[in-house]
Amino acid sequence: MEDKQKKENVDSVRYMSKLRQDALVVVVLMGILFFSESFIFYTIITTVWDSTPELSSIFPVYALFLLLVLGIGTAACLRVYSSIKEHMYTFRYYD
């Protein structure tokens, strides 16, 4: 009941607008994460590919590591967004 009263006392349009801005920040953060990690992975692989013959045999491990890093980073960004969305009225986040 108290939670409902808090939601009625805030400007919902303003809150949703600010939430969209936060979503944009999360998407930009994920884009930077994907670009930087992919660039680093590509640079390392192309630099040492010719000089390290056994790299081709362990390439799937490197690819799996990259996917894990990107997956964990994406999950963290999505958790931050869902936490903001869940608690924005409770903590009066945008006031």
Protein backbone atom coordinates (compact mmCIF):
# COMPACT_ATOMS: atom_id res chain seq x y z
CA MET A 1 0.00 0.00 0.00
CA GLU A 2 2.78 2.41 0.93
CA ASP A 3 4.66 1.56 -2.28
CA LYS A 4 1.60 2.46 -4.33
CA GLN A 5 1.35 5.84 -2.60
CA LYS A 6 5.00 6.55 -3.38
CA LYS A 7 4.38 5.79 -7.05
CA GLU A 8 1.40 8.14 -7.10
CA ASN A 9 3.42 11.00 -5.58
CA VAL A 10 6.08 11.00 -8.30
CA ASP A 11 5.99 12.19 -11.87
CA SER A 12 5.82 8.86 -13.76
CA VAL A 13 6.51 10.43 -17.14
CA ARG A 14 9.70 12.01 -15.82
CA TYR A 15 10.76 8.73 -14.22
CA MET A 16 10.21 6.76 -17.42
CA SER A 17 12.13 9.37 -19.41
CA LYS A 18 15.07 9.17 -17.01
CA LEU A 19 14.88 5.36 -17.07
CA ARG A 20 15.18 5.44 -20.87
CA GLN A 21 18.26 7.65 -20.51
CA ASP A 22 19.75 5.15 -18.09
CA ALA A 23 18.95 2.36 -20.54
CA LEU A 24 20.85 4.29 -23.23
CA VAL A 25 23.86 4.59 -20.90
CA VAL A 26 23.76 0.82 -20.30
CA VAL A 27 23.56 0.12 -24.05
CA VAL A 28 26.50 2.48 -24.74
CA LEU A 29 28.48 0.79 -21.96
CA MET A 30 27.77 -2.62 -23.48
CA GLY A 31 28.81 -1.33 -26.92
CA ILE A 32 32.11 -0.05 -25.55
CA LEU A 33 32.64 -3.36 -23.76
CA PHE A 34 32.00 -5.40 -26.92
CA PHE A 35 34.14 -3.18 -29.11
CA SER A 36 37.11 -2.98 -26.74
CA GLU A 37 37.18 -6.67 -25.85
CA SER A 38 36.78 -7.73 -29.49
CA PHE A 39 39.52 -5.32 -30.59
CA ILE A 40 41.92 -6.57 -27.92
CA PHE A 41 41.16 -10.19 -28.82
CA TYR A 42 41.65 -9.51 -32.56
CA THR A 43 44.90 -7.61 -31.97
CA ILE A 44 46.39 -10.34 -29.82
CA ILE A 45 45.38 -13.13 -32.21
CA THR A 46 46.64 -11.39 -35.35
CA THR A 47 49.91 -10.40 -33.69
CA VAL A 48 50.90 -13.85 -32.46
CA TRP A 49 49.16 -16.09 -35.04
CA ASP A 50 52.17 -16.47 -37.37
CA SER A 51 54.81 -16.73 -34.66
CA THR A 52 52.99 -19.29 -32.50
CA PRO A 53 52.09 -22.48 -34.37
CA GLU A 54 50.20 -24.03 -31.45
CA LEU A 55 47.84 -21.05 -31.29
CA SER A 56 45.56 -22.60 -33.89
CA SER A 57 45.02 -25.63 -31.68
CA ILE A 58 44.07 -23.56 -28.62
CA PHE A 59 42.11 -20.90 -30.49
CA PRO A 60 38.74 -22.31 -29.32
CA VAL A 61 39.83 -21.74 -25.71
CA TYR A 62 40.59 -18.10 -26.50
CA ALA A 63 37.23 -17.73 -28.25
CA LEU A 64 35.44 -19.32 -25.28
CA PHE A 65 37.22 -16.94 -22.92
CA LEU A 66 36.12 -13.96 -25.03
CA LEU A 67 32.51 -15.19 -25.02
CA LEU A 68 32.60 -15.67 -21.26
CA VAL A 69 33.98 -12.17 -20.67
CA LEU A 70 31.35 -10.63 -22.95
CA GLY A 71 28.57 -12.76 -21.46
CA ILE A 72 29.45 -11.87 -17.88
CA GLY A 73 29.77 -8.18 -18.76
CA THR A 74 26.40 -8.22 -20.52
CA ALA A 75 24.74 -9.97 -17.58
CA ALA A 76 26.20 -7.38 -15.20
CA CYS A 77 24.94 -4.47 -17.32
CA LEU A 78 21.46 -5.99 -17.53
CA ARG A 79 21.40 -6.56 -13.77
CA VAL A 80 22.30 -2.92 -13.15
CA TYR A 81 19.47 -1.79 -15.43
CA SER A 82 16.92 -4.12 -13.84
CA SER A 83 18.01 -3.00 -10.37
CA ILE A 84 17.56 0.66 -11.30
CA LYS A 85 14.15 -0.12 -12.79
CA GLU A 86 13.08 -2.13 -9.75
CA HIS A 87 14.14 0.43 -7.14
CA MET A 88 13.62 3.74 -8.92
CA TYR A 89 10.36 4.49 -7.09
CA THR A 90 11.43 2.99 -3.77
CA PHE A 91 14.56 5.12 -3.44
CA ARG A 92 13.08 8.08 -5.35
CA TYR A 93 16.07 7.69 -7.63
CA TYR A 94 15.28 10.52 -10.04
CA ASP A 95 14.21 13.18 -7.54
